[in-house]
Amino acid sequence: MGYISSAQTEKSKLYHPDADAAKDIAAAIKKAKAENKYVLLQGGGNWCSWCIEFARFCKADPKIDSVINASFVWYHLNYSKENENKPVFAKYGYAQRFGFPTFIILNEKGERIHTQNSEYLEDGKKSYDQKKVQAFLEMWSPRALNPEMYGK
């Protein structure tokens, strides 16, 4: 399991309690629309070993990393004692109810189209399942939800 060492700097952390999440997500939506992508919000915090492990796992797997880079703007939505981002989580259907990490997919308009409990993507008690994570990302990508993929 990936743990954050005390030697890590604030900049290298995934989650930023001081960030203006609403503003950052608005920018991510704008970027996603311009790049024909969706937004992948990963709710969690630097305190969450499973949150850190998911990021490590995805970046370490070339296929998953490729799907994320091709299909999503990935934003780490902070939830911590310093900042629970209650209004943002409320706006997207209280995804924290699933524990952390939790995943919220927004389309190019910023509409929530899916919320994913990460428990279903795990492989035992150590990491994530490659096939489950890849399938989750591919099935919620702009390509998968393009009506043209399914004919008339």
N, C-alpha and C. Protein backbone atom coordinates (compact mmCIF):
# COMPACT_ATOMS: atom_id res chain seq x y z
N MET A 1 0.85 -1.18 0.00
CA MET A 1 0.00 0.00 0.00
C MET A 1 0.89 1.23 0.00
N GLY A 2 0.54 2.21 -0.81
CA GLY A 2 1.33 3.43 -0.86
C GLY A 2 1.02 4.36 0.29
N TYR A 3 2.03 4.75 1.00
CA TYR A 3 1.86 5.73 2.08
C TYR A 3 2.69 6.96 1.77
N ILE A 4 2.22 8.09 2.22
CA ILE A 4 2.95 9.33 2.00
C ILE A 4 4.04 9.45 3.04
N SER A 5 5.24 9.68 2.60
CA SER A 5 6.35 9.85 3.54
C SER A 5 6.39 11.30 4.00
N SER A 6 6.99 11.50 5.14
CA SER A 6 7.10 12.86 5.67
C SER A 6 8.02 13.72 4.82
N ALA A 7 8.80 13.07 3.96
CA ALA A 7 9.73 13.82 3.11
C ALA A 7 9.03 14.44 1.90
N GLN A 8 7.80 14.01 1.63
CA GLN A 8 7.10 14.58 0.49
C GLN A 8 6.76 16.04 0.74
N THR A 9 6.82 16.81 -0.31
CA THR A 9 6.47 18.22 -0.18
C THR A 9 4.98 18.39 -0.40
N GLU A 10 4.46 19.53 0.02
CA GLU A 10 3.04 19.82 -0.18
C GLU A 10 2.66 19.74 -1.65
N LYS A 11 3.54 20.19 -2.52
CA LYS A 11 3.24 20.21 -3.95
C LYS A 11 3.08 18.81 -4.53
N SER A 12 3.79 17.83 -3.98
CA SER A 12 3.73 16.48 -4.52
C SER A 12 2.53 15.70 -4.02
N LYS A 13 1.79 16.23 -3.08
CA LYS A 13 0.61 15.54 -2.57
C LYS A 13 -0.50 15.61 -3.61
N LEU A 14 -1.34 14.59 -3.62
CA LEU A 14 -2.44 14.52 -4.59
C LEU A 14 -3.57 15.49 -4.26
N TYR A 15 -3.87 15.62 -2.98
CA TYR A 15 -5.01 16.42 -2.54
C TYR A 15 -4.53 17.71 -1.89
N HIS A 16 -5.30 18.76 -2.12
CA HIS A 16 -4.93 20.08 -1.60
C HIS A 16 -6.12 20.67 -0.84
N PRO A 17 -6.10 20.56 0.50
CA PRO A 17 -7.20 21.07 1.30
C PRO A 17 -7.50 22.55 1.09
N ASP A 18 -6.49 23.34 0.73
CA ASP A 18 -6.69 24.78 0.56
C ASP A 18 -7.22 25.15 -0.83
N ALA A 19 -7.32 24.20 -1.72
CA ALA A 19 -7.77 24.49 -3.09
C ALA A 19 -9.24 24.90 -3.11
N ASP A 20 -9.60 25.71 -4.08
CA ASP A 20 -10.99 26.07 -4.33
C ASP A 20 -11.53 25.02 -5.29
N ALA A 21 -12.08 23.95 -4.74
CA ALA A 21 -12.51 22.80 -5.54
C ALA A 21 -13.54 23.18 -6.60
N ALA A 22 -14.50 24.04 -6.26
CA ALA A 22 -15.52 24.42 -7.23
C ALA A 22 -14.89 25.12 -8.43
N LYS A 23 -13.95 26.01 -8.16
CA LYS A 23 -13.25 26.72 -9.23
C LYS A 23 -12.39 25.76 -10.06
N ASP A 24 -11.68 24.88 -9.37
CA ASP A 24 -10.82 23.91 -10.06
C ASP A 24 -11.64 22.96 -10.93
N ILE A 25 -12.79 22.53 -10.43
CA ILE A 25 -13.64 21.61 -11.20
C ILE A 25 -14.22 22.33 -12.41
N ALA A 26 -14.60 23.59 -12.25
CA ALA A 26 -15.09 24.37 -13.39
C ALA A 26 -14.02 24.45 -14.48
N ALA A 27 -12.77 24.65 -14.08
CA ALA A 27 -11.66 24.70 -15.04
C ALA A 27 -11.45 23.32 -15.68
N ALA A 28 -11.59 22.26 -14.90
CA ALA A 28 -11.45 20.90 -15.43
C ALA A 28 -12.54 20.60 -16.46
N ILE A 29 -13.76 21.06 -16.18
CA ILE A 29 -14.87 20.86 -17.12
C ILE A 29 -14.60 21.61 -18.43
N LYS A 30 -14.13 22.82 -18.31
CA LYS A 30 -13.80 23.62 -19.50
C LYS A 30 -12.71 22.93 -20.33
N LYS A 31 -11.69 22.43 -19.66
CA LYS A 31 -10.59 21.73 -20.33
C LYS A 31 -11.12 20.43 -20.96
N ALA A 32 -11.94 19.71 -20.24
CA ALA A 32 -12.50 18.45 -20.76
C ALA A 32 -13.32 18.71 -22.02
N LYS A 33 -14.12 19.74 -21.99
CA LYS A 33 -14.96 20.06 -23.16
C LYS A 33 -14.08 20.39 -24.37
N ALA A 34 -13.04 21.17 -24.15
CA ALA A 34 -12.13 21.56 -25.24
C ALA A 34 -11.38 20.37 -25.81
N GLU A 35 -11.13 19.36 -24.97
CA GLU A 35 -10.34 18.20 -25.39
C GLU A 35 -11.20 16.97 -25.69
N ASN A 36 -12.54 17.13 -25.69
CA ASN A 36 -13.47 16.03 -25.93
C ASN A 36 -13.26 14.89 -24.93
N LYS A 37 -13.19 15.27 -23.65
CA LYS A 37 -12.99 14.31 -22.57
C LYS A 37 -14.08 14.49 -21.52
N TYR A 38 -14.07 13.62 -20.54
CA TYR A 38 -14.90 13.76 -19.36
C TYR A 38 -14.00 14.11 -18.18
N VAL A 39 -14.61 14.43 -17.05
CA VAL A 39 -13.86 14.73 -15.83
C VAL A 39 -13.99 13.55 -14.89
N LEU A 40 -12.86 13.09 -14.38
CA LEU A 40 -12.82 12.03 -13.37
C LEU A 40 -12.46 12.70 -12.05
N LEU A 41 -13.44 12.81 -11.17
CA LEU A 41 -13.18 13.34 -9.83
C LEU A 41 -12.88 12.16 -8.92
N GLN A 42 -11.74 12.22 -8.27
CA GLN A 42 -11.38 11.19 -7.29
C GLN A 42 -11.47 11.83 -5.92
N GLY A 43 -12.53 11.53 -5.20
CA GLY A 43 -12.72 12.07 -3.87
C GLY A 43 -11.90 11.30 -2.85
N GLY A 44 -11.22 12.03 -1.98
CA GLY A 44 -10.41 11.39 -0.95
C GLY A 44 -9.48 12.39 -0.31
N GLY A 45 -8.40 11.90 0.22
CA GLY A 45 -7.44 12.79 0.87
C GLY A 45 -6.07 12.16 0.98
N ASN A 46 -5.11 12.99 1.33
CA ASN A 46 -3.74 12.52 1.49
C ASN A 46 -3.60 11.53 2.66
N TRP A 47 -4.57 11.50 3.53
CA TRP A 47 -4.61 10.59 4.68
C TRP A 47 -5.04 9.18 4.27
N CYS A 48 -5.57 9.03 3.06
CA CYS A 48 -6.21 7.79 2.60
C CYS A 48 -5.24 6.94 1.79
N SER A 49 -4.79 5.82 2.36
CA SER A 49 -3.82 4.98 1.66
C SER A 49 -4.40 4.40 0.37
N TRP A 50 -5.68 4.08 0.34
CA TRP A 50 -6.30 3.54 -0.88
C TRP A 50 -6.37 4.60 -1.97
N CYS A 51 -6.52 5.86 -1.59
CA CYS A 51 -6.54 6.97 -2.56
C CYS A 51 -5.18 7.12 -3.22
N ILE A 52 -4.15 7.07 -2.41
CA ILE A 52 -2.77 7.20 -2.90
C ILE A 52 -2.44 5.98 -3.78
N GLU A 53 -2.86 4.81 -3.33
CA GLU A 53 -2.59 3.58 -4.08
C GLU A 53 -3.28 3.61 -5.44
N PHE A 54 -4.50 4.14 -5.52
CA PHE A 54 -5.19 4.18 -6.82
C PHE A 54 -4.40 5.02 -7.82
N ALA A 55 -3.93 6.16 -7.39
CA ALA A 55 -3.15 7.01 -8.29
C ALA A 55 -1.86 6.31 -8.72
N ARG A 56 -1.17 5.69 -7.77
CA ARG A 56 0.05 4.96 -8.09
C ARG A 56 -0.24 3.82 -9.07
N PHE A 57 -1.27 3.05 -8.78
CA PHE A 57 -1.68 1.90 -9.59
C PHE A 57 -1.98 2.33 -11.03
N CYS A 58 -2.76 3.38 -11.18
CA CYS A 58 -3.16 3.84 -12.52
C CYS A 58 -1.96 4.33 -13.33
N LYS A 59 -1.08 5.07 -12.70
CA LYS A 59 0.09 5.60 -13.41
C LYS A 59 1.09 4.51 -13.74
N ALA A 60 1.12 3.44 -12.94
CA ALA A 60 2.07 2.35 -13.17
C ALA A 60 1.62 1.40 -14.28
N ASP A 61 0.33 1.40 -14.61
CA ASP A 61 -0.18 0.49 -15.63
C ASP A 61 -0.35 1.27 -16.94
N PRO A 62 0.44 0.96 -17.97
CA PRO A 62 0.39 1.73 -19.22
C PRO A 62 -0.99 1.77 -19.88
N LYS A 63 -1.75 0.68 -19.82
CA LYS A 63 -3.07 0.65 -20.44
C LYS A 63 -4.05 1.58 -19.71
N ILE A 64 -4.05 1.50 -18.40
CA ILE A 64 -4.95 2.35 -17.60
C ILE A 64 -4.54 3.81 -17.71
N ASP A 65 -3.25 4.07 -17.61
CA ASP A 65 -2.74 5.43 -17.74
C ASP A 65 -3.15 6.02 -19.09
N SER A 66 -3.09 5.21 -20.13
CA SER A 66 -3.46 5.66 -21.47
C SER A 66 -4.94 6.00 -21.56
N VAL A 67 -5.79 5.17 -20.97
CA VAL A 67 -7.24 5.43 -20.98
C VAL A 67 -7.53 6.73 -20.24
N ILE A 68 -6.91 6.92 -19.10
CA ILE A 68 -7.15 8.15 -18.33
C ILE A 68 -6.70 9.37 -19.14
N ASN A 69 -5.50 9.32 -19.68
CA ASN A 69 -4.98 10.46 -20.43
C ASN A 69 -5.80 10.76 -21.69
N ALA A 70 -6.32 9.73 -22.34
CA ALA A 70 -7.09 9.92 -23.57
C ALA A 70 -8.53 10.37 -23.31
N SER A 71 -9.07 10.00 -22.16
CA SER A 71 -10.51 10.18 -21.96
C SER A 71 -10.94 11.11 -20.83
N PHE A 72 -10.02 11.45 -19.93
CA PHE A 72 -10.43 12.18 -18.73
C PHE A 72 -9.48 13.32 -18.37
N VAL A 73 -10.05 14.30 -17.70
CA VAL A 73 -9.29 15.29 -16.93
C VAL A 73 -9.48 14.82 -15.49
N TRP A 74 -8.39 14.44 -14.85
CA TRP A 74 -8.43 13.80 -13.53
C TRP A 74 -8.19 14.86 -12.46
N TYR A 75 -9.15 14.97 -11.53
CA TYR A 75 -9.03 15.94 -10.44
C TYR A 75 -9.21 15.22 -9.11
N HIS A 76 -8.32 15.51 -8.17
CA HIS A 76 -8.38 14.93 -6.84
C HIS A 76 -9.14 15.87 -5.91
N LEU A 77 -10.38 15.50 -5.62
CA LEU A 77 -11.29 16.30 -4.80
C LEU A 77 -11.06 15.99 -3.33
N ASN A 78 -10.52 16.97 -2.62
CA ASN A 78 -10.14 16.79 -1.22
C ASN A 78 -11.33 16.58 -0.30
N TYR A 79 -11.16 15.63 0.62
CA TYR A 79 -12.05 15.44 1.75
C TYR A 79 -11.15 15.14 2.93
N SER A 80 -11.07 16.08 3.85
CA SER A 80 -10.22 15.91 5.03
C SER A 80 -10.78 16.74 6.17
N LYS A 81 -10.20 16.57 7.35
CA LYS A 81 -10.66 17.36 8.49
C LYS A 81 -10.45 18.85 8.25
N GLU A 82 -9.45 19.20 7.43
CA GLU A 82 -9.19 20.61 7.11
C GLU A 82 -10.24 21.19 6.17
N ASN A 83 -10.74 20.34 5.27
CA ASN A 83 -11.71 20.81 4.28
C ASN A 83 -12.48 19.62 3.72
N GLU A 84 -13.72 19.49 4.13
CA GLU A 84 -14.56 18.38 3.66
C GLU A 84 -15.23 18.68 2.32
N ASN A 85 -15.11 19.90 1.82
CA ASN A 85 -15.75 20.28 0.56
C ASN A 85 -17.22 19.85 0.50
N LYS A 86 -17.93 20.10 1.60
CA LYS A 86 -19.32 19.66 1.70
C LYS A 86 -20.21 20.16 0.57
N PRO A 87 -20.12 21.44 0.16
CA PRO A 87 -21.00 21.89 -0.93
C PRO A 87 -20.72 21.17 -2.26
N VAL A 88 -19.46 20.86 -2.52
CA VAL A 88 -19.10 20.18 -3.77
C VAL A 88 -19.60 18.74 -3.74
N PHE A 89 -19.35 18.05 -2.64
CA PHE A 89 -19.84 16.67 -2.54
C PHE A 89 -21.36 16.63 -2.58
N ALA A 90 -22.03 17.62 -1.99
CA ALA A 90 -23.49 17.67 -2.04
C ALA A 90 -23.97 17.85 -3.48
N LYS A 91 -23.30 18.72 -4.21
CA LYS A 91 -23.68 18.99 -5.61
C LYS A 91 -23.64 17.72 -6.45
N TYR A 92 -22.71 16.82 -6.13
CA TYR A 92 -22.54 15.60 -6.92
C TYR A 92 -23.10 14.36 -6.24
N GLY A 93 -24.09 14.56 -5.36
CA GLY A 93 -24.84 13.42 -4.83
C GLY A 93 -24.24 12.72 -3.63
N TYR A 94 -23.42 13.42 -2.85
CA TYR A 94 -22.89 12.88 -1.60
C TYR A 94 -22.10 11.59 -1.80
N ALA A 95 -21.17 11.61 -2.73
CA ALA A 95 -20.38 10.42 -3.05
C ALA A 95 -19.56 9.91 -1.86
N GLN A 96 -19.33 10.74 -0.87
CA GLN A 96 -18.55 10.32 0.30
C GLN A 96 -19.26 9.19 1.06
N ARG A 97 -20.52 8.97 0.76
CA ARG A 97 -21.26 7.89 1.42
C ARG A 97 -20.65 6.52 1.13
N PHE A 98 -19.88 6.41 0.06
CA PHE A 98 -19.26 5.15 -0.32
C PHE A 98 -17.89 4.94 0.34
N GLY A 99 -17.40 5.91 1.07
CA GLY A 99 -16.04 5.83 1.60
C GLY A 99 -15.07 6.37 0.56
N PHE A 100 -13.78 6.14 0.78
CA PHE A 100 -12.77 6.74 -0.09
C PHE A 100 -11.75 5.72 -0.54
N PRO A 101 -11.23 5.89 -1.76
CA PRO A 101 -11.64 6.93 -2.69
C PRO A 101 -13.02 6.64 -3.26
N THR A 102 -13.62 7.67 -3.75
CA THR A 102 -14.88 7.55 -4.47
C THR A 102 -14.68 8.29 -5.79
N PHE A 103 -15.34 7.82 -6.82
CA PHE A 103 -15.14 8.39 -8.14
C PHE A 103 -16.44 8.95 -8.68
N ILE A 104 -16.35 10.16 -9.21
CA ILE A 104 -17.50 10.85 -9.81
C ILE A 104 -17.10 11.20 -11.23
N ILE A 105 -17.92 10.79 -12.19
CA ILE A 105 -17.63 11.12 -13.59
C ILE A 105 -18.61 12.20 -14.04
N LEU A 106 -18.03 13.25 -14.59
CA LEU A 106 -18.81 14.37 -15.14
C LEU A 106 -18.63 14.36 -16.65
N ASN A 107 -19.73 14.63 -17.36
CA ASN A 107 -19.60 14.75 -18.81
C ASN A 107 -19.05 16.12 -19.18
N GLU A 108 -18.96 16.38 -20.45
CA GLU A 108 -18.36 17.64 -20.93
C GLU A 108 -19.18 18.87 -20.54
N LYS A 109 -20.41 18.66 -20.09
CA LYS A 109 -21.26 19.77 -19.63
C LYS A 109 -21.15 19.96 -18.12
N GLY A 110 -20.39 19.09 -17.47
CA GLY A 110 -20.26 19.17 -16.02
C GLY A 110 -21.35 18.43 -15.27
N GLU A 111 -22.16 17.64 -15.98
CA GLU A 111 -23.22 16.88 -15.35
C GLU A 111 -22.66 15.56 -14.81
N ARG A 112 -23.08 15.21 -13.62
CA ARG A 112 -22.66 13.93 -13.04
C ARG A 112 -23.38 12.81 -13.78
N ILE A 113 -22.60 11.91 -14.37
CA ILE A 113 -23.20 10.80 -15.10
C ILE A 113 -22.97 9.47 -14.39
N HIS A 114 -22.05 9.44 -13.42
CA HIS A 114 -21.81 8.18 -12.71
C HIS A 114 -21.04 8.45 -11.42
N THR A 115 -21.36 7.66 -10.40
CA THR A 115 -20.59 7.64 -9.16
C THR A 115 -20.18 6.20 -8.92
N GLN A 116 -18.91 6.00 -8.61
CA GLN A 116 -18.38 4.65 -8.46
C GLN A 116 -17.80 4.43 -7.07
N ASN A 117 -18.26 3.39 -6.40
CA ASN A 117 -17.70 2.94 -5.14
C ASN A 117 -16.41 2.19 -5.48
N SER A 118 -15.30 2.62 -4.95
CA SER A 118 -14.01 1.99 -5.29
C SER A 118 -13.88 0.56 -4.80
N GLU A 119 -14.70 0.18 -3.84
CA GLU A 119 -14.64 -1.19 -3.30
C GLU A 119 -14.77 -2.23 -4.42
N TYR A 120 -15.57 -1.92 -5.43
CA TYR A 120 -15.81 -2.86 -6.53
C TYR A 120 -14.64 -2.95 -7.50
N LEU A 121 -13.63 -2.11 -7.31
CA LEU A 121 -12.46 -2.10 -8.18
C LEU A 121 -11.24 -2.72 -7.50
N GLU A 122 -11.39 -3.11 -6.27
CA GLU A 122 -10.26 -3.61 -5.49
C GLU A 122 -9.93 -5.06 -5.80
N ASP A 123 -8.69 -5.40 -5.50
CA ASP A 123 -8.19 -6.76 -5.62
C ASP A 123 -7.63 -7.16 -4.26
N GLY A 124 -8.46 -7.72 -3.45
CA GLY A 124 -8.02 -8.10 -2.10
C GLY A 124 -7.81 -6.89 -1.21
N LYS A 125 -6.83 -6.99 -0.34
CA LYS A 125 -6.59 -5.94 0.65
C LYS A 125 -5.36 -5.10 0.35
N LYS A 126 -4.79 -5.23 -0.86
CA LYS A 126 -3.55 -4.52 -1.14
C LYS A 126 -3.63 -3.50 -2.26
N SER A 127 -4.42 -3.78 -3.29
CA SER A 127 -4.42 -2.86 -4.43
C SER A 127 -5.71 -3.02 -5.22
N TYR A 128 -5.64 -2.66 -6.48
CA TYR A 128 -6.80 -2.67 -7.36
C TYR A 128 -6.65 -3.74 -8.42
N ASP A 129 -7.77 -4.14 -9.01
CA ASP A 129 -7.81 -5.15 -10.05
C ASP A 129 -7.68 -4.46 -11.41
N GLN A 130 -6.67 -4.82 -12.17
CA GLN A 130 -6.37 -4.17 -13.45
C GLN A 130 -7.57 -4.23 -14.39
N LYS A 131 -8.17 -5.39 -14.55
CA LYS A 131 -9.29 -5.55 -15.49
C LYS A 131 -10.51 -4.74 -15.05
N LYS A 132 -10.80 -4.73 -13.76
CA LYS A 132 -11.96 -3.98 -13.26
C LYS A 132 -11.77 -2.48 -13.44
N VAL A 133 -10.58 -1.98 -13.11
CA VAL A 133 -10.31 -0.55 -13.23
C VAL A 133 -10.35 -0.13 -14.70
N GLN A 134 -9.71 -0.90 -15.55
CA GLN A 134 -9.70 -0.56 -16.97
C GLN A 134 -11.12 -0.58 -17.54
N ALA A 135 -11.90 -1.60 -17.20
CA ALA A 135 -13.28 -1.69 -17.69
C ALA A 135 -14.10 -0.50 -17.19
N PHE A 136 -13.97 -0.16 -15.92
CA PHE A 136 -14.69 0.99 -15.36
C PHE A 136 -14.39 2.26 -16.15
N LEU A 137 -13.12 2.53 -16.37
CA LEU A 137 -12.73 3.74 -17.09
C LEU A 137 -13.19 3.71 -18.55
N GLU A 138 -13.03 2.59 -19.20
CA GLU A 138 -13.45 2.50 -20.60
C GLU A 138 -14.96 2.62 -20.76
N MET A 139 -15.73 2.02 -19.84
CA MET A 139 -17.19 2.03 -19.96
C MET A 139 -17.80 3.39 -19.64
N TRP A 140 -17.04 4.28 -19.00
CA TRP A 140 -17.54 5.62 -18.70
C TRP A 140 -16.77 6.70 -19.46
N SER A 141 -16.12 6.32 -20.52
CA SER A 141 -15.38 7.27 -21.35
C SER A 141 -16.31 7.93 -22.37
N PRO A 142 -15.93 9.06 -22.92
CA PRO A 142 -16.75 9.70 -23.95
C PRO A 142 -17.00 8.76 -25.14
N ARG A 143 -16.01 7.98 -25.49
CA ARG A 143 -16.15 7.05 -26.62
C ARG A 143 -17.27 6.04 -26.37
N ALA A 144 -17.30 5.46 -25.16
CA ALA A 144 -18.31 4.45 -24.84
C ALA A 144 -19.72 5.03 -24.81
N LEU A 145 -19.82 6.30 -24.50
CA LEU A 145 -21.15 6.93 -24.40
C LEU A 145 -21.51 7.72 -25.65
N ASN A 146 -20.76 7.54 -26.72
CA ASN A 146 -21.04 8.20 -27.99
C ASN A 146 -22.12 7.41 -28.73
N PRO A 147 -23.29 8.01 -28.99
CA PRO A 147 -24.37 7.28 -29.66
C PRO A 147 -23.96 6.67 -31.01
N GLU A 148 -23.00 7.28 -31.66
CA GLU A 148 -22.56 6.76 -32.96
C GLU A 148 -21.93 5.37 -32.85
N MET A 149 -21.47 5.02 -31.66
CA MET A 149 -20.89 3.69 -31.45
C MET A 149 -21.93 2.59 -31.56
N TYR A 150 -23.20 2.95 -31.48
CA TYR A 150 -24.25 1.96 -31.40
C TYR A 150 -25.20 1.96 -32.59
N GLY A 151 -24.86 2.71 -33.63
CA GLY A 151 -25.69 2.75 -34.83
C GLY A 151 -27.00 3.46 -34.61
N LYS A 152 -27.84 3.36 -35.61
CA LYS A 152 -29.13 4.08 -35.52
C LYS A 152 -30.27 3.19 -35.13
